[in-house]
Amino acid sequence: MHAFLRKVRDVPREQLEEQQRIWARDVRELSYDMEDIADIFMVDVEGPDAPSKRSIIKRIFKKMKEMVTKVKTRHKIAQDIKQRVKDVAERRDRSSGTDA
């Protein structure tokens, strides 16, 4: 995606075909969404620091719970990004008349 956007960036807008402009817009918006998703992930996973006087067992369980939460959240984010990339690619393929 980044390589495509760099390539499109170097071409004057009026020289791009409409399909290329639409694809560039979709890819750019997708990259913004991916950044937003990563920010939301960081907020969801990063919580307030635990009190320093907790017992070792409580800290271990807390750490295990955080790890499971991170794995689940990362999986959900990856699935969401994968689907969005697939949707954009399918729109591009349909508009260009090629089959993937």
N, C-alpha and C. Protein backbone atom coordinates (compact mmCIF):
# COMPACT_ATOMS: atom_id res chain seq x y z
N MET A 1 0.83 -1.19 0.00
CA MET A 1 0.00 0.00 0.00
C MET A 1 0.87 1.25 0.00
N HIS A 2 1.92 1.21 0.83
CA HIS A 2 2.79 2.37 0.93
C HIS A 2 3.47 2.67 -0.40
N ALA A 3 3.94 1.62 -1.07
CA ALA A 3 4.60 1.80 -2.37
C ALA A 3 3.64 2.39 -3.39
N PHE A 4 2.40 1.90 -3.39
CA PHE A 4 1.40 2.43 -4.32
C PHE A 4 1.15 3.91 -4.06
N LEU A 5 0.99 4.28 -2.79
CA LEU A 5 0.72 5.68 -2.46
C LEU A 5 1.90 6.57 -2.83
N ARG A 6 3.13 6.08 -2.65
CA ARG A 6 4.31 6.87 -3.05
C ARG A 6 4.30 7.08 -4.56
N LYS A 7 3.98 6.02 -5.30
CA LYS A 7 3.95 6.11 -6.76
C LYS A 7 2.89 7.11 -7.22
N VAL A 8 1.71 7.02 -6.65
CA VAL A 8 0.62 7.92 -7.02
C VAL A 8 0.94 9.36 -6.62
N ARG A 9 1.59 9.52 -5.48
CA ARG A 9 1.94 10.85 -4.99
C ARG A 9 2.83 11.60 -6.00
N ASP A 10 3.66 10.87 -6.71
CA ASP A 10 4.61 11.49 -7.63
C ASP A 10 4.00 11.87 -8.97
N VAL A 11 2.75 11.48 -9.21
CA VAL A 11 2.08 11.77 -10.48
C VAL A 11 1.06 12.89 -10.23
N PRO A 12 1.08 13.93 -11.05
CA PRO A 12 0.07 14.99 -10.89
C PRO A 12 -1.34 14.40 -10.93
N ARG A 13 -2.20 14.88 -10.06
CA ARG A 13 -3.56 14.32 -9.90
C ARG A 13 -4.31 14.27 -11.23
N GLU A 14 -4.18 15.30 -12.05
CA GLU A 14 -4.93 15.33 -13.31
C GLU A 14 -4.42 14.29 -14.32
N GLN A 15 -3.24 13.72 -14.09
CA GLN A 15 -2.71 12.70 -14.99
C GLN A 15 -3.12 11.28 -14.56
N LEU A 16 -3.72 11.16 -13.39
CA LEU A 16 -4.17 9.85 -12.93
C LEU A 16 -5.53 9.53 -13.51
N GLU A 17 -5.74 8.25 -13.77
CA GLU A 17 -7.07 7.81 -14.18
C GLU A 17 -7.98 7.86 -12.96
N GLU A 18 -9.27 7.99 -13.20
CA GLU A 18 -10.22 8.07 -12.09
C GLU A 18 -10.11 6.84 -11.19
N GLN A 19 -9.95 5.68 -11.80
CA GLN A 19 -9.82 4.44 -11.03
C GLN A 19 -8.60 4.51 -10.10
N GLN A 20 -7.48 5.06 -10.56
CA GLN A 20 -6.30 5.19 -9.72
C GLN A 20 -6.54 6.17 -8.58
N ARG A 21 -7.25 7.26 -8.85
CA ARG A 21 -7.56 8.23 -7.80
C ARG A 21 -8.44 7.59 -6.72
N ILE A 22 -9.43 6.82 -7.15
CA ILE A 22 -10.33 6.15 -6.19
C ILE A 22 -9.55 5.14 -5.37
N TRP A 23 -8.73 4.34 -6.02
CA TRP A 23 -7.92 3.34 -5.33
C TRP A 23 -6.98 4.02 -4.33
N ALA A 24 -6.34 5.11 -4.75
CA ALA A 24 -5.44 5.83 -3.84
C ALA A 24 -6.21 6.36 -2.63
N ARG A 25 -7.40 6.89 -2.87
CA ARG A 25 -8.22 7.40 -1.76
C ARG A 25 -8.56 6.27 -0.80
N ASP A 26 -8.98 5.13 -1.35
CA ASP A 26 -9.36 4.00 -0.51
C ASP A 26 -8.17 3.49 0.31
N VAL A 27 -7.02 3.38 -0.33
CA VAL A 27 -5.83 2.90 0.37
C VAL A 27 -5.42 3.90 1.44
N ARG A 28 -5.47 5.18 1.13
CA ARG A 28 -5.11 6.22 2.11
C ARG A 28 -6.04 6.16 3.32
N GLU A 29 -7.35 6.07 3.06
CA GLU A 29 -8.32 5.98 4.16
C GLU A 29 -8.11 4.72 4.98
N LEU A 30 -7.80 3.62 4.31
CA LEU A 30 -7.53 2.37 5.01
C LEU A 30 -6.31 2.52 5.92
N SER A 31 -5.28 3.19 5.43
CA SER A 31 -4.08 3.38 6.26
C SER A 31 -4.40 4.23 7.48
N TYR A 32 -5.25 5.24 7.33
CA TYR A 32 -5.67 6.05 8.48
C TYR A 32 -6.45 5.20 9.47
N ASP A 33 -7.35 4.37 8.94
CA ASP A 33 -8.15 3.49 9.81
C ASP A 33 -7.25 2.52 10.57
N MET A 34 -6.24 1.98 9.89
CA MET A 34 -5.32 1.05 10.55
C MET A 34 -4.58 1.75 11.68
N GLU A 35 -4.20 3.00 11.47
CA GLU A 35 -3.53 3.76 12.52
C GLU A 35 -4.47 3.99 13.70
N ASP A 36 -5.73 4.32 13.41
CA ASP A 36 -6.72 4.50 14.47
C ASP A 36 -6.93 3.21 15.25
N ILE A 37 -7.01 2.09 14.53
CA ILE A 37 -7.19 0.80 15.18
C ILE A 37 -6.01 0.50 16.10
N ALA A 38 -4.80 0.78 15.64
CA ALA A 38 -3.62 0.55 16.48
C ALA A 38 -3.67 1.43 17.73
N ASP A 39 -4.11 2.67 17.59
CA ASP A 39 -4.24 3.57 18.74
C ASP A 39 -5.25 3.04 19.74
N ILE A 40 -6.40 2.57 19.24
CA ILE A 40 -7.43 2.02 20.11
C ILE A 40 -6.90 0.79 20.84
N PHE A 41 -6.15 -0.04 20.12
CA PHE A 41 -5.54 -1.22 20.74
C PHE A 41 -4.65 -0.81 21.90
N MET A 42 -3.82 0.19 21.70
CA MET A 42 -2.91 0.62 22.75
C MET A 42 -3.67 1.12 23.98
N VAL A 43 -4.76 1.84 23.76
CA VAL A 43 -5.57 2.33 24.88
C VAL A 43 -6.24 1.17 25.60
N ASP A 44 -6.76 0.18 24.83
CA ASP A 44 -7.43 -0.97 25.44
C ASP A 44 -6.47 -1.82 26.25
N VAL A 45 -5.27 -2.01 25.75
CA VAL A 45 -4.33 -2.92 26.39
C VAL A 45 -3.57 -2.24 27.53
N GLU A 46 -3.19 -1.02 27.34
CA GLU A 46 -2.43 -0.31 28.36
C GLU A 46 -3.40 0.24 29.40
N GLY A 47 -3.30 -0.27 30.60
CA GLY A 47 -4.17 0.20 31.68
C GLY A 47 -3.33 0.93 32.71
N PRO A 48 -3.97 1.38 33.77
CA PRO A 48 -3.22 2.05 34.82
C PRO A 48 -2.24 1.07 35.47
N ASP A 49 -1.13 1.59 35.96
CA ASP A 49 -0.13 0.75 36.61
C ASP A 49 -0.71 0.10 37.86
N ALA A 50 -0.32 -1.13 38.09
CA ALA A 50 -0.80 -1.86 39.27
C ALA A 50 -0.14 -1.29 40.52
N PRO A 51 -0.84 -1.33 41.63
CA PRO A 51 -0.22 -0.89 42.89
C PRO A 51 1.02 -1.72 43.20
N SER A 52 2.02 -1.12 43.76
CA SER A 52 3.30 -1.79 43.97
C SER A 52 3.27 -2.82 45.09
N LYS A 53 2.26 -2.84 45.95
CA LYS A 53 2.22 -3.73 47.11
C LYS A 53 1.41 -5.00 46.86
N ARG A 54 1.06 -5.30 45.64
CA ARG A 54 0.29 -6.53 45.36
C ARG A 54 1.15 -7.75 45.58
N SER A 55 0.49 -8.82 45.91
CA SER A 55 1.23 -10.07 46.10
C SER A 55 1.74 -10.59 44.76
N ILE A 56 2.72 -11.43 44.81
CA ILE A 56 3.31 -11.99 43.59
C ILE A 56 2.27 -12.77 42.80
N ILE A 57 1.44 -13.56 43.48
CA ILE A 57 0.43 -14.37 42.79
C ILE A 57 -0.57 -13.48 42.07
N LYS A 58 -1.03 -12.43 42.73
CA LYS A 58 -1.98 -11.52 42.09
C LYS A 58 -1.36 -10.87 40.86
N ARG A 59 -0.09 -10.49 40.97
CA ARG A 59 0.59 -9.87 39.82
C ARG A 59 0.74 -10.87 38.67
N ILE A 60 1.04 -12.12 39.00
CA ILE A 60 1.18 -13.14 37.95
C ILE A 60 -0.15 -13.34 37.22
N PHE A 61 -1.25 -13.48 37.99
CA PHE A 61 -2.56 -13.65 37.37
C PHE A 61 -2.94 -12.43 36.54
N LYS A 62 -2.64 -11.27 37.05
CA LYS A 62 -2.95 -10.04 36.31
C LYS A 62 -2.17 -10.02 34.99
N LYS A 63 -0.90 -10.39 35.04
CA LYS A 63 -0.07 -10.41 33.84
C LYS A 63 -0.59 -11.44 32.84
N MET A 64 -1.01 -12.60 33.32
CA MET A 64 -1.55 -13.63 32.44
C MET A 64 -2.84 -13.13 31.77
N LYS A 65 -3.69 -12.48 32.54
CA LYS A 65 -4.93 -11.95 31.99
C LYS A 65 -4.64 -10.89 30.92
N GLU A 66 -3.67 -10.03 31.19
CA GLU A 66 -3.28 -9.01 30.21
C GLU A 66 -2.77 -9.65 28.92
N MET A 67 -1.99 -10.71 29.06
CA MET A 67 -1.46 -11.39 27.87
C MET A 67 -2.58 -11.99 27.03
N VAL A 68 -3.56 -12.63 27.68
CA VAL A 68 -4.69 -13.20 26.96
C VAL A 68 -5.49 -12.10 26.27
N THR A 69 -5.71 -11.01 26.99
CA THR A 69 -6.44 -9.87 26.42
C THR A 69 -5.70 -9.33 25.19
N LYS A 70 -4.39 -9.20 25.29
CA LYS A 70 -3.61 -8.69 24.16
C LYS A 70 -3.73 -9.62 22.95
N VAL A 71 -3.62 -10.91 23.19
CA VAL A 71 -3.70 -11.87 22.09
C VAL A 71 -5.07 -11.79 21.41
N LYS A 72 -6.14 -11.77 22.20
CA LYS A 72 -7.48 -11.67 21.64
C LYS A 72 -7.66 -10.38 20.87
N THR A 73 -7.20 -9.28 21.44
CA THR A 73 -7.36 -7.98 20.79
C THR A 73 -6.55 -7.92 19.51
N ARG A 74 -5.32 -8.41 19.54
CA ARG A 74 -4.49 -8.42 18.33
C ARG A 74 -5.14 -9.26 17.23
N HIS A 75 -5.70 -10.40 17.61
CA HIS A 75 -6.35 -11.27 16.62
C HIS A 75 -7.54 -10.54 15.98
N LYS A 76 -8.35 -9.89 16.80
CA LYS A 76 -9.51 -9.16 16.29
C LYS A 76 -9.06 -8.04 15.35
N ILE A 77 -8.03 -7.32 15.75
CA ILE A 77 -7.51 -6.23 14.92
C ILE A 77 -7.00 -6.77 13.59
N ALA A 78 -6.24 -7.86 13.66
CA ALA A 78 -5.69 -8.45 12.44
C ALA A 78 -6.80 -8.90 11.50
N GLN A 79 -7.84 -9.51 12.04
CA GLN A 79 -8.96 -9.95 11.21
C GLN A 79 -9.67 -8.76 10.57
N ASP A 80 -9.85 -7.70 11.35
CA ASP A 80 -10.52 -6.50 10.84
C ASP A 80 -9.71 -5.86 9.71
N ILE A 81 -8.41 -5.71 9.93
CA ILE A 81 -7.54 -5.11 8.91
C ILE A 81 -7.51 -5.99 7.66
N LYS A 82 -7.39 -7.29 7.85
CA LYS A 82 -7.35 -8.22 6.71
C LYS A 82 -8.61 -8.10 5.87
N GLN A 83 -9.77 -8.04 6.52
CA GLN A 83 -11.03 -7.93 5.80
C GLN A 83 -11.13 -6.60 5.06
N ARG A 84 -10.67 -5.52 5.69
CA ARG A 84 -10.75 -4.21 5.05
C ARG A 84 -9.83 -4.13 3.84
N VAL A 85 -8.63 -4.71 3.96
CA VAL A 85 -7.71 -4.74 2.82
C VAL A 85 -8.32 -5.56 1.69
N LYS A 86 -8.91 -6.69 2.04
CA LYS A 86 -9.54 -7.54 1.03
C LYS A 86 -10.68 -6.79 0.33
N ASP A 87 -11.49 -6.07 1.10
CA ASP A 87 -12.60 -5.30 0.52
C ASP A 87 -12.10 -4.25 -0.47
N VAL A 88 -11.05 -3.53 -0.08
CA VAL A 88 -10.50 -2.50 -0.97
C VAL A 88 -9.93 -3.13 -2.23
N ALA A 89 -9.23 -4.26 -2.08
CA ALA A 89 -8.65 -4.94 -3.25
C ALA A 89 -9.75 -5.45 -4.18
N GLU A 90 -10.83 -5.97 -3.60
CA GLU A 90 -11.93 -6.45 -4.43
C GLU A 90 -12.60 -5.30 -5.18
N ARG A 91 -12.75 -4.15 -4.52
CA ARG A 91 -13.33 -2.98 -5.22
C ARG A 91 -12.43 -2.55 -6.37
N ARG A 92 -11.12 -2.59 -6.13
CA ARG A 92 -10.18 -2.23 -7.18
C ARG A 92 -10.28 -3.20 -8.35
N ASP A 93 -10.33 -4.49 -8.04
CA ASP A 93 -10.40 -5.51 -9.08
C ASP A 93 -11.69 -5.38 -9.89
N ARG A 94 -12.80 -5.14 -9.20
CA ARG A 94 -14.08 -5.00 -9.89
C ARG A 94 -14.07 -3.77 -10.80
N SER A 95 -13.47 -2.69 -10.33
CA SER A 95 -13.49 -1.47 -11.12
C SER A 95 -12.51 -1.53 -12.29
N SER A 96 -11.47 -2.38 -12.16
CA SER A 96 -10.51 -2.50 -13.26
C SER A 96 -10.89 -3.59 -14.24
N GLY A 97 -11.88 -4.41 -13.83
CA GLY A 97 -12.34 -5.48 -14.72
C GLY A 97 -11.47 -6.70 -14.73
N THR A 98 -10.57 -6.84 -13.71
CA THR A 98 -9.72 -8.01 -13.63
C THR A 98 -10.21 -8.90 -12.51
N ASP A 99 -9.85 -10.17 -12.61
CA ASP A 99 -10.20 -11.13 -11.56
C ASP A 99 -8.97 -11.37 -10.69
N ALA A 100 -9.20 -11.51 -9.39
CA ALA A 100 -8.09 -11.74 -8.47
C ALA A 100 -7.73 -13.20 -8.42
